[in-house]
Every structure is written in structure tokens, then in C-alpha cells.
PDB file of N, CA and C in Angstrom:
ATOM      1  N   MET A   1     118.156  -0.916  40.695  1.00  0.00           N
ATOM      2  CA  MET A   1     117.554  -0.085  39.836  1.00  0.00           C
ATOM      3  C   MET A   1     116.052  -0.610  39.562  1.00  0.00           C
ATOM      4  N   SER A   2     115.836   0.395  38.608  1.00  0.00           N
ATOM      5  CA  SER A   2     113.933   0.568  38.606  1.00  0.00           C
ATOM      6  C   SER A   2     114.322  -0.943  37.365  1.00  0.00           C
ATOM      7  N   SER A   3     112.352  -0.840  37.810  1.00  0.00           N
ATOM      8  CA  SER A   3     111.748  -1.409  37.114  1.00  0.00           C
ATOM      9  C   SER A   3     111.015  -1.285  35.490  1.00  0.00           C
ATOM     10  N   THR A   4     111.328   0.257  35.421  1.00  0.00           N
ATOM     11  CA  THR A   4     111.038   0.496  34.566  1.00  0.00           C
ATOM     12  C   THR A   4     112.248   1.552  33.649  1.00  0.00           C
ATOM     13  N   LYS A   5     112.194   1.415  32.368  1.00  0.00           N
ATOM     14  CA  LYS A   5     113.283   2.415  32.021  1.00  0.00           C
ATOM     15  C   LYS A   5     113.036   3.919  31.521  1.00  0.00           C
ATOM     16  N   ASP A   6     113.192   5.227  31.143  1.00  0.00           N
ATOM     17  CA  ASP A   6     113.315   6.335  30.860  1.00  0.00           C
ATOM     18  C   ASP A   6     112.143   5.871  30.421  1.00  0.00           C
ATOM     19  N   ASP A   7     111.562   5.610  28.903  1.00  0.00           N
ATOM     20  CA  ASP A   7     110.674   5.438  28.141  1.00  0.00           C
ATOM     21  C   ASP A   7     109.290   4.726  28.837  1.00  0.00           C
ATOM     22  N   GLY A   8     109.401   4.526  30.481  1.00  0.00           N
ATOM     23  CA  GLY A   8     107.907   4.199  31.110  1.00  0.00           C
ATOM     24  C   GLY A   8     107.357   2.335  30.681  1.00  0.00           C
ATOM     25  N   MET A   9     108.697   1.379  29.826  1.00  0.00           N
ATOM     26  CA  MET A   9     107.852   0.861  29.483  1.00  0.00           C
ATOM     27  C   MET A   9     108.785  -0.297  30.688  1.00  0.00           C
ATOM     28  N   PRO A  10     108.890  -1.477  31.150  1.00  0.00           N
ATOM     29  CA  PRO A  10     109.053  -2.539  31.761  1.00  0.00           C
ATOM     30  C   PRO A  10     110.384  -2.838  31.628  1.00  0.00           C
ATOM     31  N   ASN A  11     111.195  -2.383  32.656  1.00  0.00           N
ATOM     32  CA  ASN A  11     113.429  -2.687  32.173  1.00  0.00           C
ATOM     33  C   ASN A  11     113.102  -4.924  32.418  1.00  0.00           C
ATOM     34  N   PRO A  12     114.070  -5.277  30.647  1.00  0.00           N
ATOM     35  CA  PRO A  12     114.157  -6.114  30.687  1.00  0.00           C
ATOM     36  C   PRO A  12     114.782  -6.397  32.013  1.00  0.00           C
ATOM     37  N   ALA A  13     115.716  -6.167  31.930  1.00  0.00           N
ATOM     38  CA  ALA A  13     116.608  -6.702  33.583  1.00  0.00           C
ATOM     39  C   ALA A  13     115.878  -7.497  34.789  1.00  0.00           C
ATOM     40  N   ILE A  14     115.122  -7.063  35.143  1.00  0.00           N
ATOM     41  CA  ILE A  14     114.190  -7.432  36.034  1.00  0.00           C
ATOM     42  C   ILE A  14     112.918  -8.448  35.293  1.00  0.00           C
ATOM     43  N   SER A  15     113.267  -9.618  36.581  1.00  0.00           N
ATOM     44  CA  SER A  15     112.453 -10.599  36.163  1.00  0.00           C
ATOM     45  C   SER A  15     110.930 -10.775  36.360  1.00  0.00           C
ATOM     46  N   ALA A  16     110.218 -11.141  36.003  1.00  0.00           N
ATOM     47  CA  ALA A  16     108.630 -11.233  35.978  1.00  0.00           C
ATOM     48  C   ALA A  16     108.224 -11.632  37.770  1.00  0.00           C
ATOM     49  N   GLY A  17     108.951 -12.594  37.850  1.00  0.00           N
ATOM     50  CA  GLY A  17     108.768 -12.796  39.297  1.00  0.00           C
ATOM     51  C   GLY A  17     109.506 -11.305  40.433  1.00  0.00           C
ATOM     52  N   ASP A  18     110.543 -10.671  39.410  1.00  0.00           N
ATOM     53  CA  ASP A  18     111.246  -9.500  40.743  1.00  0.00           C
ATOM     54  C   ASP A  18     109.825  -8.215  40.452  1.00  0.00           C
ATOM     55  N   ARG A  19     109.407  -8.347  39.267  1.00  0.00           N
ATOM     56  CA  ARG A  19     107.974  -7.250  38.788  1.00  0.00           C
ATOM     57  C   ARG A  19     106.762  -7.797  39.790  1.00  0.00           C
ATOM     58  N   ILE A  20     107.041  -8.962  39.749  1.00  0.00           N
ATOM     59  CA  ILE A  20     105.543  -8.886  40.952  1.00  0.00           C
ATOM     60  C   ILE A  20     105.538  -8.999  42.204  1.00  0.00           C
ATOM     61  N   TRP A  21     107.009  -9.129  42.900  1.00  0.00           N
ATOM     62  CA  TRP A  21     107.653  -8.615  44.463  1.00  0.00           C
ATOM     63  C   TRP A  21     107.621  -7.517  45.082  1.00  0.00           C
ATOM     64  N   LEU A  22     107.929  -6.302  43.638  1.00  0.00           N
ATOM     65  CA  LEU A  22     108.158  -4.959  43.519  1.00  0.00           C
ATOM     66  C   LEU A  22     106.284  -4.539  43.696  1.00  0.00           C
ATOM     67  N   ALA A  23     106.274  -5.435  43.158  1.00  0.00           N
ATOM     68  CA  ALA A  23     104.517  -4.587  43.335  1.00  0.00           C
ATOM     69  C   ALA A  23     103.906  -4.909  44.321  1.00  0.00           C
ATOM     70  N   PHE A  24     104.076  -6.102  44.873  1.00  0.00           N
ATOM     71  CA  PHE A  24     103.327  -6.608  45.873  1.00  0.00           C
ATOM     72  C   PHE A  24     103.732  -5.507  46.629  1.00  0.00           C
ATOM     73  N   LEU A  25     104.838  -5.011  47.110  1.00  0.00           N
ATOM     74  CA  LEU A  25     105.335  -4.773  48.600  1.00  0.00           C
ATOM     75  C   LEU A  25     105.175  -3.626  48.133  1.00  0.00           C
ATOM     76  N   THR A  26     104.834  -3.113  46.946  1.00  0.00           N
ATOM     77  CA  THR A  26     104.585  -1.488  47.301  1.00  0.00           C
ATOM     78  C   THR A  26     102.727  -1.473  46.928  1.00  0.00           C
ATOM     79  N   ALA A  27     102.046  -2.126  46.833  1.00  0.00           N
ATOM     80  CA  ALA A  27     100.971  -2.179  47.031  1.00  0.00           C
ATOM     81  C   ALA A  27     100.662  -2.560  48.900  1.00  0.00           C
ATOM     82  N   VAL A  28     101.488  -2.955  49.463  1.00  0.00           N
ATOM     83  CA  VAL A  28     101.365  -3.448  51.228  1.00  0.00           C
ATOM     84  C   VAL A  28     101.288  -2.316  51.647  1.00  0.00           C
ATOM     85  N   ALA A  29     102.963  -1.430  51.115  1.00  0.00           N
ATOM     86  CA  ALA A  29     103.261  -0.751  51.591  1.00  0.00           C
ATOM     87  C   ALA A  29     102.441   1.043  51.778  1.00  0.00           C
ATOM     88  N   ALA A  30     101.723   0.415  50.725  1.00  0.00           N
ATOM     89  CA  ALA A  30     100.670   1.759  50.695  1.00  0.00           C
ATOM     90  C   ALA A  30      99.450   2.391  51.793  1.00  0.00           C
ATOM     91  N   LEU A  31      99.502   0.664  52.350  1.00  0.00           N
ATOM     92  CA  LEU A  31      97.825   0.300  53.190  1.00  0.00           C
ATOM     93  C   LEU A  31      98.637   0.898  54.446  1.00  0.00           C
ATOM     94  N   PRO A  32      97.256   1.509  55.427  1.00  0.00           N
ATOM     95  CA  PRO A  32      98.001   2.070  56.814  1.00  0.00           C
ATOM     96  C   PRO A  32      98.031   0.978  57.107  1.00  0.00           C
ATOM     97  N   PRO A  33      98.978   1.209  58.471  1.00  0.00           N
ATOM     98  CA  PRO A  33      99.904   0.470  59.333  1.00  0.00           C
ATOM     99  C   PRO A  33      98.716  -0.811  60.118  1.00  0.00           C
ATOM    100  N   GLU A  34      97.815  -0.665  60.652  1.00  0.00           N
ATOM    101  CA  GLU A  34      96.722  -1.364  60.885  1.00  0.00           C
ATOM    102  C   GLU A  34      96.054  -2.335  59.710  1.00  0.00           C
ATOM    103  N   VAL A  35      96.012  -1.514  58.639  1.00  0.00           N
ATOM    104  CA  VAL A  35      95.257  -2.977  57.736  1.00  0.00           C
ATOM    105  C   VAL A  35      96.837  -4.005  57.232  1.00  0.00           C
ATOM    106  N   ARG A  36      97.847  -2.856  57.363  1.00  0.00           N
ATOM    107  CA  ARG A  36      98.586  -3.959  56.679  1.00  0.00           C
ATOM    108  C   ARG A  36      98.935  -4.299  57.950  1.00  0.00           C
ATOM    109  N   ALA A  37      99.150  -4.571  59.206  1.00  0.00           N
ATOM    110  CA  ALA A  37      99.476  -5.950  59.780  1.00  0.00           C
ATOM    111  C   ALA A  37      98.958  -6.750  60.065  1.00  0.00           C
ATOM    112  N   ALA A  38      97.516  -6.623  59.759  1.00  0.00           N
ATOM    113  CA  ALA A  38      96.261  -7.561  60.042  1.00  0.00           C
ATOM    114  C   ALA A  38      96.123  -8.341  59.297  1.00  0.00           C
ATOM    115  N   PHE A  39      96.599  -7.965  57.693  1.00  0.00           N
ATOM    116  CA  PHE A  39      96.940  -8.641  56.530  1.00  0.00           C
ATOM    117  C   PHE A  39      97.796  -9.154  56.298  1.00  0.00           C
ATOM    118  N   LEU A  40      99.349  -8.820  57.144  1.00  0.00           N
ATOM    119  CA  LEU A  40      99.986  -9.791  56.454  1.00  0.00           C
ATOM    120  C   LEU A  40     100.535 -10.933  57.625  1.00  0.00           C
ATOM    121  N   LEU A  41     100.034 -10.654  58.905  1.00  0.00           N
ATOM    122  CA  LEU A  41      99.366 -11.567  59.803  1.00  0.00           C
ATOM    123  C   LEU A  41      98.705 -12.864  59.622  1.00  0.00           C
ATOM    124  N   HIS A  42      97.537 -12.166  58.637  1.00  0.00           N
ATOM    125  CA  HIS A  42      96.663 -13.452  58.775  1.00  0.00           C
ATOM    126  C   HIS A  42      97.282 -14.154  57.066  1.00  0.00           C
ATOM    127  N   GLU A  43      97.838 -13.203  55.900  1.00  0.00           N
ATOM    128  CA  GLU A  43      97.840 -14.081  54.903  1.00  0.00           C
ATOM    129  C   GLU A  43      99.094 -14.285  55.442  1.00  0.00           C
ATOM    130  N   ALA A  44     100.482 -13.939  55.921  1.00  0.00           N
ATOM    131  CA  ALA A  44     101.988 -14.363  55.934  1.00  0.00           C
ATOM    132  C   ALA A  44     102.112 -15.580  56.923  1.00  0.00           C
ATOM    133  N   PHE A  45     101.419 -14.678  58.102  1.00  0.00           N
ATOM    134  CA  PHE A  45     101.941 -15.924  59.340  1.00  0.00           C
ATOM    135  C   PHE A  45     100.634 -16.996  59.677  1.00  0.00           C
ATOM    136  N   GLU A  46      99.260 -16.635  59.390  1.00  0.00           N
ATOM    137  CA  GLU A  46      98.922 -17.455  59.594  1.00  0.00           C
ATOM    138  C   GLU A  46      98.043 -17.863  60.250  1.00  0.00           C
ATOM    139  N   ALA A  47      97.637 -16.204  60.894  1.00  0.00           N
ATOM    140  CA  ALA A  47      97.049 -15.849  62.030  1.00  0.00           C
ATOM    141  C   ALA A  47      95.819 -16.410  62.424  1.00  0.00           C
ATOM    142  N   SER A  48      95.507 -16.162  63.099  1.00  0.00           N
ATOM    143  CA  SER A  48      93.654 -16.195  62.984  1.00  0.00           C
ATOM    144  C   SER A  48      92.745 -15.126  63.705  1.00  0.00           C
ATOM    145  N   TYR A  49      91.741 -14.866  63.420  1.00  0.00           N
ATOM    146  CA  TYR A  49      91.537 -12.873  63.533  1.00  0.00           C
ATOM    147  C   TYR A  49      91.733 -12.789  64.690  1.00  0.00           C
ATOM    148  N   ASP A  50      90.945 -13.916  65.802  1.00  0.00           N
ATOM    149  CA  ASP A  50      91.386 -13.704  67.574  1.00  0.00           C
ATOM    150  C   ASP A  50      92.655 -13.251  67.656  1.00  0.00           C
ATOM    151  N   GLU A  51      93.890 -14.002  67.237  1.00  0.00           N
ATOM    152  CA  GLU A  51      94.863 -13.928  67.340  1.00  0.00           C
ATOM    153  C   GLU A  51      94.929 -12.513  66.809  1.00  0.00           C
ATOM    154  N   ILE A  52      94.930 -12.262  65.464  1.00  0.00           N
ATOM    155  CA  ILE A  52      95.114 -10.624  65.575  1.00  0.00           C
ATOM    156  C   ILE A  52      94.789  -9.918  66.007  1.00  0.00           C
ATOM    157  N   ALA A  53      93.030  -9.872  66.178  1.00  0.00           N
ATOM    158  CA  ALA A  53      92.701  -8.765  67.272  1.00  0.00           C
ATOM    159  C   ALA A  53      93.191  -8.792  68.517  1.00  0.00           C
ATOM    160  N   CYS A  54      93.568  -9.825  69.459  1.00  0.00           N
ATOM    161  CA  CYS A  54      94.637  -9.423  70.690  1.00  0.00           C
ATOM    162  C   CYS A  54      95.516  -8.714  70.477  1.00  0.00           C
ATOM    163  N   VAL A  55      96.626  -8.962  68.822  1.00  0.00           N
ATOM    164  CA  VAL A  55      97.879  -8.618  69.047  1.00  0.00           C
ATOM    165  C   VAL A  55      97.639  -7.187  68.889  1.00  0.00           C
ATOM    166  N   LEU A  56      96.765  -7.328  68.101  1.00  0.00           N
ATOM    167  CA  LEU A  56      96.610  -5.492  67.014  1.00  0.00           C
ATOM    168  C   LEU A  56      95.020  -4.628  68.247  1.00  0.00           C
ATOM    169  N   GLY A  57      94.649  -5.481  69.225  1.00  0.00           N
ATOM    170  CA  GLY A  57      94.175  -4.647  70.283  1.00  0.00           C
ATOM    171  C   GLY A  57      92.769  -3.776  69.408  1.00  0.00           C
ATOM    172  N   LEU A  58      92.726  -4.633  68.809  1.00  0.00           N
ATOM    173  CA  LEU A  58      91.107  -4.355  68.219  1.00  0.00           C
ATOM    174  C   LEU A  58      89.869  -5.570  68.162  1.00  0.00           C
ATOM    175  N   PRO A  59      88.655  -5.046  67.654  1.00  0.00           N
ATOM    176  CA  PRO A  59      88.040  -6.033  67.455  1.00  0.00           C
ATOM    177  C   PRO A  59      87.481  -6.877  66.721  1.00  0.00           C
ATOM    178  N   VAL A  60      87.713  -8.372  66.790  1.00  0.00           N
ATOM    179  CA  VAL A  60      87.850  -8.557  65.796  1.00  0.00           C
ATOM    180  C   VAL A  60      86.969  -8.784  64.196  1.00  0.00           C
ATOM    181  N   GLU A  61      86.176  -8.308  64.181  1.00  0.00           N
ATOM    182  CA  GLU A  61      85.167  -8.526  63.146  1.00  0.00           C
ATOM    183  C   GLU A  61      85.802  -6.913  62.062  1.00  0.00           C
ATOM    184  N   THR A  62      86.565  -5.898  63.143  1.00  0.00           N
ATOM    185  CA  THR A  62      87.574  -4.773  62.718  1.00  0.00           C
ATOM    186  C   THR A  62      88.989  -5.655  61.551  1.00  0.00           C
ATOM    187  N   CYS A  63      89.412  -6.286  62.292  1.00  0.00           N
ATOM    188  CA  CYS A  63      90.543  -6.911  61.801  1.00  0.00           C
ATOM    189  C   CYS A  63      90.034  -7.912  60.787  1.00  0.00           C
ATOM    190  N   ARG A  64      89.208  -8.289  60.585  1.00  0.00           N
ATOM    191  CA  ARG A  64      88.714  -9.577  59.335  1.00  0.00           C
ATOM    192  C   ARG A  64      87.512  -7.754  58.199  1.00  0.00           C
ATOM    193  N   ASP A  65      87.757  -7.296  58.569  1.00  0.00           N
ATOM    194  CA  ASP A  65      87.694  -6.096  57.468  1.00  0.00           C
ATOM    195  C   ASP A  65      88.690  -5.010  56.919  1.00  0.00           C
ATOM    196  N   HIS A  66      89.806  -5.560  58.074  1.00  0.00           N
ATOM    197  CA  HIS A  66      91.366  -4.680  57.103  1.00  0.00           C
ATOM    198  C   HIS A  66      91.635  -5.747  56.652  1.00  0.00           C
ATOM    199  N   VAL A  67      91.733  -7.400  56.831  1.00  0.00           N
ATOM    200  CA  VAL A  67      92.249  -8.035  56.194  1.00  0.00           C
ATOM    201  C   VAL A  67      91.824  -8.103  54.451  1.00  0.00           C
ATOM    202  N   ALA A  68      90.402  -7.747  54.986  1.00  0.00           N
ATOM    203  CA  ALA A  68      89.277  -7.936  53.564  1.00  0.00           C
ATOM    204  C   ALA A  68      89.848  -6.654  52.802  1.00  0.00           C
ATOM    205  N   ARG A  69      90.092  -5.598  53.256  1.00  0.00           N
ATOM    206  CA  ARG A  69      89.910  -4.475  52.312  1.00  0.00           C
ATOM    207  C   ARG A  69      91.780  -4.301  51.813  1.00  0.00           C
ATOM    208  N   ALA A  70      92.378  -4.942  52.401  1.00  0.00           N
ATOM    209  CA  ALA A  70      94.405  -5.657  52.342  1.00  0.00           C
ATOM    210  C   ALA A  70      94.401  -6.324  50.971  1.00  0.00           C
ATOM    211  N   ARG A  71      93.171  -7.214  50.877  1.00  0.00           N
ATOM    212  CA  ARG A  71      93.247  -7.931  49.907  1.00  0.00           C
ATOM    213  C   ARG A  71      92.239  -7.420  48.436  1.00  0.00           C
ATOM    214  N   ALA A  72      91.333  -6.863  48.966  1.00  0.00           N
ATOM    215  CA  ALA A  72      90.801  -5.632  47.726  1.00  0.00           C
ATOM    216  C   ALA A  72      92.304  -4.626  47.079  1.00  0.00           C
ATOM    217  N   HIS A  73      92.785  -3.995  47.869  1.00  0.00           N
ATOM    218  CA  HIS A  73      93.391  -3.471  47.004  1.00  0.00           C
ATOM    219  C   HIS A  73      94.751  -4.300  46.896  1.00  0.00           C
ATOM    220  N   ALA A  74      95.444  -5.732  46.974  1.00  0.00           N
ATOM    221  CA  ALA A  74      96.841  -5.631  46.559  1.00  0.00           C
ATOM    222  C   ALA A  74      95.795  -6.122  44.851  1.00  0.00           C
ATOM    223  N   ALA A  75      94.700  -6.749  45.071  1.00  0.00           N
ATOM    224  CA  ALA A  75      94.390  -7.045  44.043  1.00  0.00           C
ATOM    225  C   ALA A  75      93.788  -6.535  42.644  1.00  0.00           C
ATOM    226  N   THR A  76      93.578  -4.968  42.931  1.00  0.00           N
ATOM    227  CA  THR A  76      93.544  -3.808  42.897  1.00  0.00           C
ATOM    228  C   THR A  76      95.010  -3.251  41.779  1.00  0.00           C
ATOM    229  N   ARG A  77      95.242  -3.486  43.030  1.00  0.00           N
ATOM    230  CA  ARG A  77      97.070  -3.039  42.471  1.00  0.00           C
ATOM    231  C   ARG A  77      97.883  -4.035  41.836  1.00  0.00           C
ATOM    232  N   MET A  78      97.737  -5.124  41.879  1.00  0.00           N
ATOM    233  CA  MET A  78      98.033  -6.034  40.739  1.00  0.00           C
ATOM    234  C   MET A  78      97.680  -6.342  39.595  1.00  0.00           C
ATOM    235  N   GLN A  79      96.658  -5.513  39.361  1.00  0.00           N
ATOM    236  CA  GLN A  79      95.961  -6.233  37.960  1.00  0.00           C
ATOM    237  C   GLN A  79      96.585  -5.927  37.322  1.00  0.00           C
ATOM    238  N   PRO A  80      97.247  -4.649  36.920  1.00  0.00           N
ATOM    239  CA  PRO A  80      98.210  -5.101  35.567  1.00  0.00           C
ATOM    240  C   PRO A  80      99.142  -5.644  34.776  1.00  0.00           C
ATOM    241  N   LEU A  81      99.475  -6.060  37.023  1.00  0.00           N
ATOM    242  CA  LEU A  81     100.545  -7.892  35.671  1.00  0.00           C
ATOM    243  C   LEU A  81      99.877  -8.716  35.738  1.00  0.00           C
ATOM    244  N   CYS A  82      98.415  -8.393  35.040  1.00  0.00           N
ATOM    245  CA  CYS A  82      97.861  -9.741  34.197  1.00  0.00           C
ATOM    246  C   CYS A  82      97.986  -9.525  33.111  1.00  0.00           C
ATOM    247  N   GLY A  83      98.067  -8.499  32.649  1.00  0.00           N
ATOM    248  CA  GLY A  83      98.271  -7.986  30.954  1.00  0.00           C
ATOM    249  C   GLY A  83      96.601  -7.929  29.808  1.00  0.00           C
ATOM    250  N   ARG A  84      95.497  -7.789  30.985  1.00  0.00           N
ATOM    251  CA  ARG A  84      94.267  -8.311  30.210  1.00  0.00           C
ATOM    252  C   ARG A  84      92.941  -7.800  31.732  1.00  0.00           C
ATOM    253  N   ALA A  85      92.270  -7.109  30.894  1.00  0.00           N
ATOM    254  CA  ALA A  85      91.050  -7.453  31.703  1.00  0.00           C
ATOM    255  C   ALA A  85      90.016  -8.214  32.428  1.00  0.00           C
ATOM    256  N   GLY A  86      89.404  -8.002  33.443  1.00  0.00           N
ATOM    257  CA  GLY A  86      89.110  -8.259  34.015  1.00  0.00           C
ATOM    258  C   GLY A  86      89.899  -9.042  34.953  1.00  0.00           C
ATOM    259  N   PRO A  87      89.956  -9.830  36.477  1.00  0.00           N
ATOM    260  CA  PRO A  87      90.523 -10.737  37.328  1.00  0.00           C
ATOM    261  C   PRO A  87      90.801 -11.533  36.663  1.00  0.00           C
ATOM    262  N   CYS A  88      92.610 -11.476  37.681  1.00  0.00           N
ATOM    263  CA  CYS A  88      93.580 -12.933  37.238  1.00  0.00           C
ATOM    264  C   CYS A  88      92.637 -14.115  37.078  1.00  0.00           C
ATOM    265  N   PRO A  89      93.613 -14.693  36.833  1.00  0.00           N
ATOM    266  CA  PRO A  89      92.482 -16.531  36.954  1.00  0.00           C
ATOM    267  C   PRO A  89      93.399 -16.740  37.792  1.00  0.00           C
TER     268      PRO A  89
END
């Protein structure tokens, strides 16, 4: 089922939670694989930057940069769900 109707308006059959989840998945899927992996390891699995660096074979600072980049990307992509200008509270 599509999250929007043919007229571009949100589909009322899709719950707000489902719309948020779909927006999040879409935002994360758009990230490069290493950035996505660093973000998910840190945010979903609470891995430390040292652990992420070991798993991905990257420098720790690169992993920090990847997570920061992913956070900014997700925030930008999810902003329209707030329904107002500026950052979501």
C-alpha cells in the first residue's frame, strides 16, 4: 500500500507511525553502505565508535563522521513530518 494517494496527499489508511517508519527507512536506505552501517551499529545496537571502527575496518574518526552525517541526513529527510519550519522539538 502506498503512503500517498494518487493526488500526492498522505493516505489516511497509513498510520502516522507507519509514515514515520517509512520515512526513516527511506532516509537510511539512501545513505552509502558504510555510513548506514556505522549509523545503525551506533544508534540501534549501541556499539561504541571503537567497536564500529573494528567491524568496518575504518578509523574511529571516520566512523564518528559517518554517524554525524547520517544523523544530519535523517533529520533533514524527516523534517517534513513535523509540519512546520525549523527543527522538530
